[in-house]
N, C-alpha and C. Protein backbone atom coordinates (compact mmCIF):
# COMPACT_ATOMS: atom_id res chain seq x y z
N MET A 1 0.80 -1.19 0.00
CA MET A 1 0.00 0.00 0.00
C MET A 1 0.85 1.27 0.00
N VAL A 2 2.10 1.15 0.40
CA VAL A 2 2.98 2.30 0.46
C VAL A 2 4.10 2.09 -0.53
N ARG A 3 4.42 3.09 -1.32
CA ARG A 3 5.52 3.02 -2.26
C ARG A 3 6.57 4.01 -1.82
N SER A 4 7.79 3.57 -1.71
CA SER A 4 8.87 4.45 -1.29
C SER A 4 9.86 4.62 -2.43
N ASP A 5 9.97 5.83 -2.94
CA ASP A 5 10.92 6.16 -3.98
C ASP A 5 11.73 7.37 -3.57
N THR A 6 12.07 7.46 -2.28
CA THR A 6 12.73 8.66 -1.79
C THR A 6 14.08 8.87 -2.44
N GLU A 7 14.77 7.78 -2.84
CA GLU A 7 16.06 7.97 -3.51
C GLU A 7 15.87 8.68 -4.84
N ALA A 8 14.74 8.45 -5.51
CA ALA A 8 14.47 9.11 -6.78
C ALA A 8 13.80 10.46 -6.58
N GLY A 9 13.52 10.84 -5.31
CA GLY A 9 12.91 12.13 -5.03
C GLY A 9 11.41 12.16 -5.17
N VAL A 10 10.77 11.00 -5.27
CA VAL A 10 9.34 10.94 -5.49
C VAL A 10 8.57 11.01 -4.18
N GLY A 11 9.05 10.38 -3.12
CA GLY A 11 8.35 10.37 -1.85
C GLY A 11 7.67 9.05 -1.59
N VAL A 12 6.58 9.10 -0.84
CA VAL A 12 5.87 7.90 -0.42
C VAL A 12 4.39 8.06 -0.75
N ALA A 13 3.81 7.03 -1.35
CA ALA A 13 2.37 7.01 -1.61
C ALA A 13 1.73 6.03 -0.63
N VAL A 14 0.71 6.50 0.09
CA VAL A 14 0.06 5.69 1.12
C VAL A 14 -1.43 5.60 0.82
N ALA A 15 -1.93 4.38 0.85
CA ALA A 15 -3.38 4.19 0.73
C ALA A 15 -3.97 4.22 2.13
N VAL A 16 -4.95 5.10 2.34
CA VAL A 16 -5.64 5.16 3.62
C VAL A 16 -7.09 4.72 3.39
N PHE A 17 -7.65 4.10 4.40
CA PHE A 17 -8.98 3.51 4.29
C PHE A 17 -9.89 4.05 5.37
N ASP A 18 -11.17 4.15 5.05
CA ASP A 18 -12.19 4.35 6.07
C ASP A 18 -12.76 2.98 6.35
N GLU A 19 -12.89 2.66 7.63
CA GLU A 19 -13.46 1.38 8.02
C GLU A 19 -14.55 1.59 9.05
N THR A 20 -15.49 0.67 9.06
CA THR A 20 -16.52 0.64 10.09
C THR A 20 -15.96 -0.15 11.28
N PRO A 21 -16.57 -0.03 12.45
CA PRO A 21 -16.11 -0.82 13.60
C PRO A 21 -16.15 -2.34 13.35
N THR A 22 -16.93 -2.79 12.36
CA THR A 22 -16.98 -4.22 12.03
C THR A 22 -15.91 -4.63 11.03
N GLY A 23 -15.10 -3.67 10.56
CA GLY A 23 -14.01 -3.99 9.64
C GLY A 23 -14.33 -3.78 8.17
N GLU A 24 -15.54 -3.34 7.85
CA GLU A 24 -15.92 -3.09 6.45
C GLU A 24 -15.19 -1.83 5.94
N THR A 25 -14.54 -1.94 4.79
CA THR A 25 -13.89 -0.79 4.18
C THR A 25 -14.93 -0.03 3.37
N THR A 26 -15.07 1.28 3.66
CA THR A 26 -16.10 2.07 2.97
C THR A 26 -15.52 3.01 1.92
N SER A 27 -14.23 3.35 2.04
CA SER A 27 -13.60 4.17 1.00
C SER A 27 -12.09 4.06 1.11
N GLU A 28 -11.42 4.46 0.03
CA GLU A 28 -9.96 4.43 -0.01
C GLU A 28 -9.47 5.67 -0.73
N LEU A 29 -8.36 6.20 -0.25
CA LEU A 29 -7.76 7.39 -0.82
C LEU A 29 -6.24 7.21 -0.77
N THR A 30 -5.54 7.58 -1.84
CA THR A 30 -4.09 7.51 -1.84
C THR A 30 -3.52 8.90 -1.59
N LEU A 31 -2.61 8.98 -0.62
CA LEU A 31 -1.96 10.25 -0.27
C LEU A 31 -0.49 10.18 -0.60
N GLU A 32 0.07 11.30 -1.05
CA GLU A 32 1.50 11.40 -1.36
C GLU A 32 2.19 12.20 -0.27
N PHE A 33 3.33 11.69 0.20
CA PHE A 33 4.14 12.38 1.20
C PHE A 33 5.56 12.50 0.68
N LEU A 34 6.23 13.60 1.03
CA LEU A 34 7.61 13.82 0.59
C LEU A 34 8.61 13.03 1.42
N THR A 35 8.23 12.65 2.64
CA THR A 35 9.14 11.94 3.53
C THR A 35 8.49 10.66 4.03
N GLU A 36 9.30 9.79 4.61
CA GLU A 36 8.80 8.53 5.15
C GLU A 36 8.36 8.65 6.60
N ARG A 37 8.52 9.81 7.20
CA ARG A 37 8.07 10.05 8.58
C ARG A 37 7.14 11.25 8.58
N VAL A 38 5.94 11.06 9.11
CA VAL A 38 4.96 12.14 9.22
C VAL A 38 4.30 12.05 10.58
N THR A 39 3.78 13.17 11.05
CA THR A 39 3.01 13.15 12.30
C THR A 39 1.57 12.78 11.98
N VAL A 40 0.84 12.40 13.01
CA VAL A 40 -0.58 12.11 12.86
C VAL A 40 -1.31 13.36 12.35
N ARG A 41 -0.92 14.53 12.86
CA ARG A 41 -1.51 15.80 12.41
C ARG A 41 -1.31 15.99 10.90
N GLU A 42 -0.09 15.70 10.40
CA GLU A 42 0.19 15.83 8.96
C GLU A 42 -0.61 14.82 8.15
N LEU A 43 -0.79 13.64 8.69
CA LEU A 43 -1.58 12.62 8.02
C LEU A 43 -3.03 13.08 7.88
N ILE A 44 -3.60 13.59 8.97
CA ILE A 44 -4.98 14.08 8.93
C ILE A 44 -5.10 15.27 7.97
N ARG A 45 -4.15 16.19 8.06
CA ARG A 45 -4.17 17.38 7.19
C ARG A 45 -4.14 16.99 5.72
N SER A 46 -3.24 16.08 5.36
CA SER A 46 -3.13 15.64 3.97
C SER A 46 -4.40 14.95 3.50
N ARG A 47 -4.95 14.12 4.35
CA ARG A 47 -6.17 13.41 3.99
C ARG A 47 -7.32 14.39 3.76
N VAL A 48 -7.54 15.31 4.71
CA VAL A 48 -8.65 16.25 4.60
C VAL A 48 -8.46 17.17 3.40
N TYR A 49 -7.25 17.68 3.21
CA TYR A 49 -6.98 18.57 2.07
C TYR A 49 -7.29 17.86 0.75
N GLN A 50 -6.81 16.63 0.59
CA GLN A 50 -7.00 15.89 -0.66
C GLN A 50 -8.47 15.60 -0.94
N GLU A 51 -9.20 15.13 0.07
CA GLU A 51 -10.59 14.78 -0.18
C GLU A 51 -11.44 16.03 -0.47
N VAL A 52 -11.14 17.15 0.19
CA VAL A 52 -11.88 18.38 -0.08
C VAL A 52 -11.54 18.91 -1.48
N GLN A 53 -10.26 18.88 -1.85
CA GLN A 53 -9.87 19.32 -3.20
C GLN A 53 -10.56 18.45 -4.25
N ASP A 54 -10.57 17.13 -4.06
CA ASP A 54 -11.23 16.24 -5.01
C ASP A 54 -12.71 16.58 -5.15
N TYR A 55 -13.38 16.85 -4.03
CA TYR A 55 -14.80 17.20 -4.08
C TYR A 55 -15.00 18.55 -4.77
N ASN A 56 -14.22 19.56 -4.38
CA ASN A 56 -14.42 20.90 -4.95
C ASN A 56 -14.18 20.94 -6.45
N VAL A 57 -13.28 20.11 -6.95
CA VAL A 57 -13.04 20.06 -8.40
C VAL A 57 -14.21 19.37 -9.10
N ALA A 58 -14.68 18.27 -8.54
CA ALA A 58 -15.75 17.50 -9.17
C ALA A 58 -17.14 18.08 -8.92
N CYS A 59 -17.35 18.71 -7.75
CA CYS A 59 -18.67 19.23 -7.35
C CYS A 59 -19.78 18.22 -7.64
N ALA A 60 -19.56 16.99 -7.19
CA ALA A 60 -20.47 15.90 -7.50
C ALA A 60 -21.74 15.91 -6.66
N GLY A 61 -21.79 16.74 -5.62
CA GLY A 61 -22.98 16.79 -4.77
C GLY A 61 -22.92 15.85 -3.59
N VAL A 62 -22.05 14.82 -3.66
CA VAL A 62 -21.86 13.90 -2.54
C VAL A 62 -20.39 13.93 -2.15
N PHE A 63 -20.15 14.25 -0.89
CA PHE A 63 -18.80 14.35 -0.35
C PHE A 63 -18.48 13.07 0.41
N HIS A 64 -17.42 12.41 0.02
CA HIS A 64 -16.96 11.19 0.71
C HIS A 64 -15.74 11.58 1.52
N GLY A 65 -15.99 12.08 2.72
CA GLY A 65 -14.89 12.57 3.53
C GLY A 65 -14.98 12.12 4.97
N LEU A 66 -13.95 12.47 5.70
CA LEU A 66 -13.82 12.08 7.09
C LEU A 66 -14.86 12.77 7.98
N ILE A 67 -15.09 14.06 7.73
CA ILE A 67 -15.93 14.89 8.60
C ILE A 67 -17.12 15.44 7.81
N GLN A 68 -18.29 15.43 8.42
CA GLN A 68 -19.49 15.98 7.78
C GLN A 68 -19.40 17.49 7.68
N PRO A 69 -19.46 18.04 6.45
CA PRO A 69 -19.47 19.50 6.30
C PRO A 69 -20.77 20.08 6.87
N SER A 70 -20.71 21.34 7.31
CA SER A 70 -21.94 21.99 7.76
C SER A 70 -22.90 22.08 6.58
N GLU A 71 -24.16 22.03 6.86
CA GLU A 71 -25.23 22.08 5.87
C GLU A 71 -25.28 20.85 4.96
N ALA A 72 -24.64 19.77 5.35
CA ALA A 72 -24.68 18.54 4.56
C ALA A 72 -25.61 17.53 5.23
N GLN A 73 -26.24 16.72 4.42
CA GLN A 73 -27.11 15.66 4.93
C GLN A 73 -26.32 14.35 4.91
N PRO A 74 -26.30 13.63 6.02
CA PRO A 74 -25.56 12.36 6.03
C PRO A 74 -26.23 11.30 5.16
N LEU A 75 -25.41 10.54 4.47
CA LEU A 75 -25.83 9.37 3.70
C LEU A 75 -25.13 8.16 4.32
N ARG A 76 -25.37 7.00 3.78
CA ARG A 76 -24.72 5.81 4.35
C ARG A 76 -23.20 5.90 4.27
N HIS A 77 -22.67 6.31 3.12
CA HIS A 77 -21.22 6.42 2.95
C HIS A 77 -20.88 7.77 2.31
N GLY A 78 -21.23 8.84 3.00
CA GLY A 78 -20.92 10.17 2.48
C GLY A 78 -21.91 11.20 2.99
N TYR A 79 -21.84 12.39 2.38
CA TYR A 79 -22.68 13.51 2.80
C TYR A 79 -23.17 14.24 1.56
N ARG A 80 -24.47 14.49 1.48
CA ARG A 80 -25.05 15.20 0.33
C ARG A 80 -25.02 16.70 0.61
N LEU A 81 -24.51 17.44 -0.39
CA LEU A 81 -24.46 18.90 -0.33
C LEU A 81 -25.28 19.47 -1.47
N ARG A 82 -25.71 20.71 -1.32
CA ARG A 82 -26.47 21.34 -2.40
C ARG A 82 -25.53 21.56 -3.60
N PRO A 83 -26.06 21.52 -4.81
CA PRO A 83 -25.24 21.69 -6.01
C PRO A 83 -24.43 22.99 -5.98
N GLY A 84 -23.19 22.91 -6.41
CA GLY A 84 -22.32 24.08 -6.48
C GLY A 84 -21.68 24.49 -5.17
N HIS A 85 -22.00 23.78 -4.09
CA HIS A 85 -21.46 24.12 -2.76
C HIS A 85 -20.01 23.65 -2.68
N SER A 86 -19.09 24.55 -2.36
CA SER A 86 -17.70 24.15 -2.15
C SER A 86 -17.43 24.05 -0.65
N ILE A 87 -16.39 23.30 -0.32
CA ILE A 87 -16.06 23.03 1.08
C ILE A 87 -14.73 23.71 1.40
N ASP A 88 -14.64 24.29 2.60
CA ASP A 88 -13.41 24.93 3.09
C ASP A 88 -12.56 23.86 3.77
N TRP A 89 -11.41 23.53 3.18
CA TRP A 89 -10.59 22.44 3.73
C TRP A 89 -10.05 22.78 5.12
N GLU A 90 -9.75 24.05 5.37
CA GLU A 90 -9.20 24.41 6.68
C GLU A 90 -10.23 24.21 7.79
N ARG A 91 -11.48 24.52 7.50
CA ARG A 91 -12.55 24.29 8.47
C ARG A 91 -12.74 22.79 8.71
N GLN A 92 -12.69 22.01 7.63
CA GLN A 92 -12.80 20.56 7.76
C GLN A 92 -11.64 19.99 8.57
N PHE A 93 -10.44 20.54 8.35
CA PHE A 93 -9.25 20.09 9.09
C PHE A 93 -9.41 20.35 10.58
N GLU A 94 -9.87 21.54 10.94
CA GLU A 94 -10.08 21.86 12.36
C GLU A 94 -11.12 20.93 12.99
N GLN A 95 -12.18 20.63 12.23
CA GLN A 95 -13.20 19.71 12.73
C GLN A 95 -12.64 18.29 12.87
N ALA A 96 -11.77 17.89 11.95
CA ALA A 96 -11.15 16.57 12.03
C ALA A 96 -10.24 16.46 13.25
N LEU A 97 -9.47 17.53 13.53
CA LEU A 97 -8.62 17.52 14.72
C LEU A 97 -9.46 17.42 15.99
N LYS A 98 -10.56 18.16 16.00
CA LYS A 98 -11.47 18.14 17.16
C LYS A 98 -12.05 16.73 17.34
N ALA A 99 -12.44 16.10 16.24
CA ALA A 99 -12.99 14.74 16.31
C ALA A 99 -11.94 13.75 16.80
N PHE A 100 -10.71 13.89 16.35
CA PHE A 100 -9.64 12.99 16.79
C PHE A 100 -9.38 13.17 18.28
N ARG A 101 -9.28 14.43 18.72
CA ARG A 101 -9.04 14.70 20.15
C ARG A 101 -10.17 14.18 21.02
N GLY A 102 -11.41 14.23 20.51
CA GLY A 102 -12.57 13.79 21.27
C GLY A 102 -12.94 12.33 21.07
N ASN A 103 -12.06 11.57 20.45
CA ASN A 103 -12.27 10.14 20.19
C ASN A 103 -13.46 9.86 19.27
N GLY A 104 -13.81 10.82 18.43
CA GLY A 104 -14.84 10.59 17.42
C GLY A 104 -14.26 9.93 16.18
N VAL A 105 -12.94 10.02 16.04
CA VAL A 105 -12.21 9.38 14.95
C VAL A 105 -11.01 8.68 15.57
N ILE A 106 -10.84 7.42 15.21
CA ILE A 106 -9.68 6.65 15.64
C ILE A 106 -8.85 6.33 14.41
N ILE A 107 -7.54 6.44 14.54
CA ILE A 107 -6.64 6.11 13.43
C ILE A 107 -5.80 4.91 13.85
N LEU A 108 -5.81 3.90 12.99
CA LEU A 108 -5.00 2.71 13.21
C LEU A 108 -3.90 2.66 12.15
N VAL A 109 -2.68 2.53 12.60
CA VAL A 109 -1.55 2.35 11.69
C VAL A 109 -1.03 0.95 11.94
N ASP A 110 -1.13 0.10 10.93
CA ASP A 110 -0.76 -1.31 11.08
C ASP A 110 -1.47 -1.93 12.28
N ASP A 111 -2.77 -1.65 12.39
CA ASP A 111 -3.65 -2.19 13.43
C ASP A 111 -3.31 -1.72 14.85
N GLN A 112 -2.47 -0.69 14.97
CA GLN A 112 -2.16 -0.11 16.28
C GLN A 112 -2.73 1.31 16.33
N GLU A 113 -3.48 1.61 17.38
CA GLU A 113 -4.07 2.94 17.50
C GLU A 113 -2.99 3.99 17.78
N VAL A 114 -3.07 5.11 17.05
CA VAL A 114 -2.21 6.26 17.36
C VAL A 114 -3.04 7.21 18.20
N GLU A 115 -2.41 7.84 19.20
CA GLU A 115 -3.19 8.59 20.17
C GLU A 115 -2.85 10.06 20.26
N GLU A 116 -1.72 10.48 19.72
CA GLU A 116 -1.28 11.87 19.84
C GLU A 116 -1.10 12.50 18.46
N LEU A 117 -1.51 13.75 18.32
CA LEU A 117 -1.37 14.44 17.03
C LEU A 117 0.08 14.61 16.61
N ASP A 118 0.99 14.75 17.58
CA ASP A 118 2.40 14.95 17.24
C ASP A 118 3.18 13.64 17.18
N GLU A 119 2.50 12.53 17.35
CA GLU A 119 3.16 11.22 17.24
C GLU A 119 3.62 11.02 15.80
N GLU A 120 4.86 10.54 15.63
CA GLU A 120 5.39 10.30 14.29
C GLU A 120 5.08 8.88 13.83
N ILE A 121 4.78 8.79 12.57
CA ILE A 121 4.50 7.50 11.93
C ILE A 121 5.58 7.28 10.87
N GLU A 122 6.15 6.09 10.88
CA GLU A 122 7.11 5.74 9.83
C GLU A 122 6.36 4.98 8.75
N LEU A 123 6.41 5.51 7.53
CA LEU A 123 5.71 4.91 6.41
C LEU A 123 6.64 3.92 5.71
N ARG A 124 6.19 2.66 5.63
CA ARG A 124 6.96 1.61 4.97
C ARG A 124 6.14 1.05 3.81
N THR A 125 6.73 0.14 3.08
CA THR A 125 6.05 -0.42 1.91
C THR A 125 4.77 -1.18 2.28
N ASP A 126 4.68 -1.63 3.52
CA ASP A 126 3.50 -2.41 3.92
C ASP A 126 2.63 -1.72 4.98
N THR A 127 2.82 -0.41 5.18
CA THR A 127 2.03 0.31 6.18
C THR A 127 0.56 0.36 5.77
N ARG A 128 -0.32 0.11 6.73
CA ARG A 128 -1.77 0.19 6.50
C ARG A 128 -2.34 1.23 7.45
N VAL A 129 -3.04 2.22 6.90
CA VAL A 129 -3.64 3.29 7.70
C VAL A 129 -5.16 3.21 7.54
N ALA A 130 -5.85 3.08 8.68
CA ALA A 130 -7.32 3.00 8.66
C ALA A 130 -7.89 4.08 9.58
N PHE A 131 -8.93 4.75 9.12
CA PHE A 131 -9.68 5.74 9.89
C PHE A 131 -11.02 5.12 10.26
N LEU A 132 -11.35 5.16 11.54
CA LEU A 132 -12.64 4.67 12.01
C LEU A 132 -13.40 5.82 12.65
N ARG A 133 -14.60 6.09 12.13
CA ARG A 133 -15.48 7.11 12.74
C ARG A 133 -16.37 6.41 13.74
N LEU A 134 -16.38 6.94 14.95
CA LEU A 134 -17.22 6.35 15.98
C LEU A 134 -18.49 7.16 16.13
N VAL A 135 -19.60 6.47 16.27
CA VAL A 135 -20.89 7.11 16.42
C VAL A 135 -21.32 6.95 17.87
N PRO A 136 -21.66 8.06 18.55
CA PRO A 136 -22.10 7.93 19.95
C PRO A 136 -23.37 7.10 20.05
N LEU A 137 -23.46 6.33 21.12
CA LEU A 137 -24.65 5.53 21.35
C LEU A 137 -25.79 6.41 21.86
N ALA A 138 -26.98 6.14 21.41
CA ALA A 138 -28.15 6.91 21.86
C ALA A 138 -28.47 6.56 23.31
N GLY A 139 -28.93 7.53 24.05
CA GLY A 139 -29.35 7.31 25.41
C GLY A 139 -28.23 7.35 26.43
N GLY A 140 -26.99 7.59 25.97
CA GLY A 140 -25.77 7.66 26.66
C GLY A 140 -25.63 7.63 28.06
């Protein structure tokens, strides 16, 4: 899932997945990094930036991203937005950080949970990154 061509100056390509708590993969996105070591914060930033840019270019009406944009209606695997609506990636990034800090999003790197935004991750040829969104239970 990870390609390392740092000697050629290309960087590292990492496939990240969204998974449900039952292990079902709901989406996949490939991210490019210039180095083989990134922080959890950089991983989240890259992911949010890429998915928002992809949506804003396509304006498909359905956003498949980590965090629900304001004014969006949730779908089973995404969020419906009104036609022509663009998303602010910086606002999405701040919401993603808030969700991570509040345990609304869990990130697993090679099946191990990362817990700190400044924690460094070493990207290797076999690194697997999964994002799990947790839904609060009703009646709490």
